[in-house]
Amino acid sequence: MRNTFEHQPEQARELVATLFDGKIVFTPFKTPAGPRFLLEGTALPGRLFGVEDAGVLNVASPGGFEPPLAT
């Protein structure tokens, strides 16, 4: 992905737009390794693999993707 972002920025933007549903907020920040962006929005990773969202909500955690805890 890094290669795509560096050498084909238009295609990279299309990829990000496909991955996120609706509004994306980009927040720049600096790290010791260089500048980065924090992306905030609703991601639908299944779109990258041709799998549309089936109404199942998953959240990212250190253990991977899992259903949210019931409240």
N, C-alpha and C. Protein backbone atom coordinates (compact mmCIF):
# COMPACT_ATOMS: atom_id res chain seq x y z
N MET A 1 0.83 -1.19 0.00
CA MET A 1 0.00 0.00 0.00
C MET A 1 0.87 1.25 0.00
N ARG A 2 1.97 1.19 0.71
CA ARG A 2 2.85 2.36 0.77
C ARG A 2 3.28 2.77 -0.64
N ASN A 3 3.63 1.80 -1.47
CA ASN A 3 4.04 2.07 -2.84
C ASN A 3 2.92 2.76 -3.62
N THR A 4 1.70 2.29 -3.44
CA THR A 4 0.55 2.90 -4.12
C THR A 4 0.37 4.34 -3.66
N PHE A 5 0.44 4.58 -2.37
CA PHE A 5 0.26 5.93 -1.85
C PHE A 5 1.36 6.87 -2.33
N GLU A 6 2.60 6.37 -2.43
CA GLU A 6 3.71 7.22 -2.84
C GLU A 6 3.73 7.46 -4.35
N HIS A 7 3.39 6.45 -5.15
CA HIS A 7 3.57 6.55 -6.60
C HIS A 7 2.28 6.71 -7.39
N GLN A 8 1.15 6.39 -6.80
CA GLN A 8 -0.13 6.51 -7.49
C GLN A 8 -1.17 7.12 -6.54
N PRO A 9 -0.99 8.39 -6.18
CA PRO A 9 -1.86 8.99 -5.17
C PRO A 9 -3.34 9.02 -5.55
N GLU A 10 -3.66 9.16 -6.84
CA GLU A 10 -5.06 9.17 -7.25
C GLU A 10 -5.72 7.81 -6.98
N GLN A 11 -5.01 6.73 -7.31
CA GLN A 11 -5.53 5.39 -7.05
C GLN A 11 -5.62 5.15 -5.54
N ALA A 12 -4.68 5.68 -4.79
CA ALA A 12 -4.71 5.53 -3.34
C ALA A 12 -5.93 6.22 -2.74
N ARG A 13 -6.26 7.39 -3.26
CA ARG A 13 -7.46 8.11 -2.78
C ARG A 13 -8.72 7.31 -3.08
N GLU A 14 -8.77 6.70 -4.27
CA GLU A 14 -9.92 5.86 -4.62
C GLU A 14 -10.03 4.67 -3.68
N LEU A 15 -8.90 4.07 -3.34
CA LEU A 15 -8.89 2.94 -2.41
C LEU A 15 -9.43 3.35 -1.05
N VAL A 16 -8.98 4.48 -0.54
CA VAL A 16 -9.43 4.95 0.77
C VAL A 16 -10.92 5.28 0.72
N ALA A 17 -11.37 5.93 -0.36
CA ALA A 17 -12.79 6.27 -0.49
C ALA A 17 -13.65 5.01 -0.54
N THR A 18 -13.14 3.95 -1.17
CA THR A 18 -13.88 2.69 -1.24
C THR A 18 -13.92 2.02 0.13
N LEU A 19 -12.83 2.10 0.86
CA LEU A 19 -12.74 1.44 2.16
C LEU A 19 -13.63 2.10 3.21
N PHE A 20 -13.76 3.42 3.14
CA PHE A 20 -14.54 4.14 4.14
C PHE A 20 -15.91 4.48 3.60
N ASP A 21 -16.91 4.40 4.46
CA ASP A 21 -18.30 4.70 4.09
C ASP A 21 -18.66 6.07 4.63
N GLY A 22 -18.83 7.02 3.75
CA GLY A 22 -19.21 8.36 4.20
C GLY A 22 -18.02 9.24 4.48
N LYS A 23 -18.13 10.04 5.52
CA LYS A 23 -17.14 11.05 5.85
C LYS A 23 -15.86 10.45 6.42
N ILE A 24 -14.71 10.95 5.94
CA ILE A 24 -13.40 10.57 6.46
C ILE A 24 -12.73 11.83 6.98
N VAL A 25 -12.20 11.78 8.18
CA VAL A 25 -11.48 12.91 8.75
C VAL A 25 -10.00 12.54 8.78
N PHE A 26 -9.16 13.35 8.11
CA PHE A 26 -7.72 13.14 8.10
C PHE A 26 -7.10 14.14 9.06
N THR A 27 -6.33 13.66 10.03
CA THR A 27 -5.65 14.53 10.97
C THR A 27 -4.15 14.27 10.87
N PRO A 28 -3.37 15.27 10.44
CA PRO A 28 -1.93 15.05 10.33
C PRO A 28 -1.27 15.08 11.71
N PHE A 29 -0.24 14.26 11.88
CA PHE A 29 0.56 14.30 13.10
C PHE A 29 1.97 13.84 12.77
N LYS A 30 2.91 14.17 13.65
CA LYS A 30 4.31 13.83 13.41
C LYS A 30 4.72 12.67 14.32
N THR A 31 5.58 11.80 13.78
CA THR A 31 6.16 10.70 14.55
C THR A 31 7.67 10.74 14.33
N PRO A 32 8.44 10.02 15.13
CA PRO A 32 9.89 9.96 14.88
C PRO A 32 10.22 9.40 13.48
N ALA A 33 9.31 8.60 12.92
CA ALA A 33 9.53 8.03 11.58
C ALA A 33 9.09 8.97 10.47
N GLY A 34 8.49 10.10 10.81
CA GLY A 34 8.04 11.05 9.80
C GLY A 34 6.58 11.39 9.95
N PRO A 35 6.05 12.24 9.08
CA PRO A 35 4.65 12.65 9.19
C PRO A 35 3.70 11.51 8.84
N ARG A 36 2.56 11.50 9.52
CA ARG A 36 1.53 10.48 9.30
C ARG A 36 0.16 11.16 9.34
N PHE A 37 -0.87 10.40 8.98
CA PHE A 37 -2.25 10.87 9.08
C PHE A 37 -3.05 9.88 9.90
N LEU A 38 -3.90 10.40 10.77
CA LEU A 38 -4.89 9.60 11.48
C LEU A 38 -6.17 9.70 10.67
N LEU A 39 -6.72 8.55 10.26
CA LEU A 39 -7.98 8.52 9.51
C LEU A 39 -9.09 8.09 10.46
N GLU A 40 -10.16 8.88 10.49
CA GLU A 40 -11.31 8.55 11.33
C GLU A 40 -12.55 8.49 10.47
N GLY A 41 -13.30 7.42 10.62
CA GLY A 41 -14.53 7.24 9.87
C GLY A 41 -15.01 5.81 10.03
N THR A 42 -16.02 5.44 9.30
CA THR A 42 -16.55 4.09 9.33
C THR A 42 -15.93 3.30 8.20
N ALA A 43 -15.11 2.31 8.55
CA ALA A 43 -14.43 1.50 7.55
C ALA A 43 -15.24 0.23 7.26
N LEU A 44 -15.26 -0.14 5.99
CA LEU A 44 -15.92 -1.37 5.56
C LEU A 44 -14.87 -2.20 4.83
N PRO A 45 -13.99 -2.90 5.58
CA PRO A 45 -12.88 -3.62 4.95
C PRO A 45 -13.31 -4.70 3.98
N GLY A 46 -14.52 -5.22 4.09
CA GLY A 46 -14.99 -6.23 3.16
C GLY A 46 -15.06 -5.73 1.73
N ARG A 47 -15.19 -4.42 1.55
CA ARG A 47 -15.24 -3.86 0.21
C ARG A 47 -13.94 -4.10 -0.56
N LEU A 48 -12.83 -4.21 0.16
CA LEU A 48 -11.55 -4.47 -0.50
C LEU A 48 -11.53 -5.84 -1.15
N PHE A 49 -12.35 -6.75 -0.64
CA PHE A 49 -12.37 -8.12 -1.13
C PHE A 49 -13.66 -8.46 -1.87
N GLY A 50 -14.44 -7.43 -2.21
CA GLY A 50 -15.68 -7.65 -2.95
C GLY A 50 -16.81 -8.16 -2.09
N VAL A 51 -16.70 -8.03 -0.78
CA VAL A 51 -17.74 -8.49 0.15
C VAL A 51 -18.40 -7.24 0.74
N GLU A 52 -19.65 -7.04 0.43
CA GLU A 52 -20.36 -5.88 0.95
C GLU A 52 -20.76 -6.11 2.40
N ASP A 53 -20.95 -5.03 3.12
CA ASP A 53 -21.38 -5.07 4.51
C ASP A 53 -22.74 -5.75 4.60
N ALA A 54 -22.83 -6.81 5.37
CA ALA A 54 -24.09 -7.56 5.52
C ALA A 54 -24.85 -7.13 6.76
N GLY A 55 -24.56 -5.91 7.25
CA GLY A 55 -25.25 -5.42 8.43
C GLY A 55 -24.63 -5.94 9.73
N VAL A 56 -23.49 -6.57 9.66
CA VAL A 56 -22.81 -7.07 10.85
C VAL A 56 -21.75 -6.06 11.25
N LEU A 57 -21.85 -5.56 12.46
CA LEU A 57 -20.90 -4.58 12.95
C LEU A 57 -19.77 -5.29 13.66
N ASN A 58 -18.54 -5.01 13.27
CA ASN A 58 -17.35 -5.52 13.95
C ASN A 58 -16.51 -4.33 14.37
N VAL A 59 -15.76 -4.51 15.44
CA VAL A 59 -14.85 -3.46 15.90
C VAL A 59 -13.44 -4.03 15.93
N ALA A 60 -12.47 -3.14 15.73
CA ALA A 60 -11.07 -3.55 15.78
C ALA A 60 -10.60 -3.54 17.23
N SER A 61 -9.85 -4.56 17.60
CA SER A 61 -9.28 -4.64 18.94
C SER A 61 -7.89 -5.26 18.81
N PRO A 62 -7.10 -5.25 19.88
CA PRO A 62 -5.78 -5.89 19.79
C PRO A 62 -5.86 -7.36 19.39
N GLY A 63 -7.00 -8.01 19.64
CA GLY A 63 -7.16 -9.41 19.29
C GLY A 63 -7.68 -9.64 17.88
N GLY A 64 -7.97 -8.55 17.15
CA GLY A 64 -8.49 -8.67 15.79
C GLY A 64 -9.84 -7.98 15.67
N PHE A 65 -10.64 -8.43 14.74
CA PHE A 65 -11.97 -7.88 14.55
C PHE A 65 -12.99 -8.79 15.23
N GLU A 66 -13.92 -8.18 15.95
CA GLU A 66 -14.89 -8.95 16.71
C GLU A 66 -16.17 -8.13 16.87
N PRO A 67 -17.29 -8.78 17.20
CA PRO A 67 -18.52 -8.03 17.46
C PRO A 67 -18.36 -7.17 18.70
N PRO A 68 -19.01 -6.00 18.74
CA PRO A 68 -18.92 -5.15 19.94
C PRO A 68 -19.61 -5.80 21.12
N LEU A 69 -19.19 -5.41 22.32
CA LEU A 69 -19.81 -5.92 23.53
C LEU A 69 -21.21 -5.34 23.69
N ALA A 70 -22.14 -6.15 24.12
CA ALA A 70 -23.50 -5.67 24.37
C ALA A 70 -23.50 -4.80 25.61
N THR A 71 -24.29 -3.73 25.58
CA THR A 71 -24.35 -2.83 26.75
C THR A 71 -25.68 -2.92 27.43
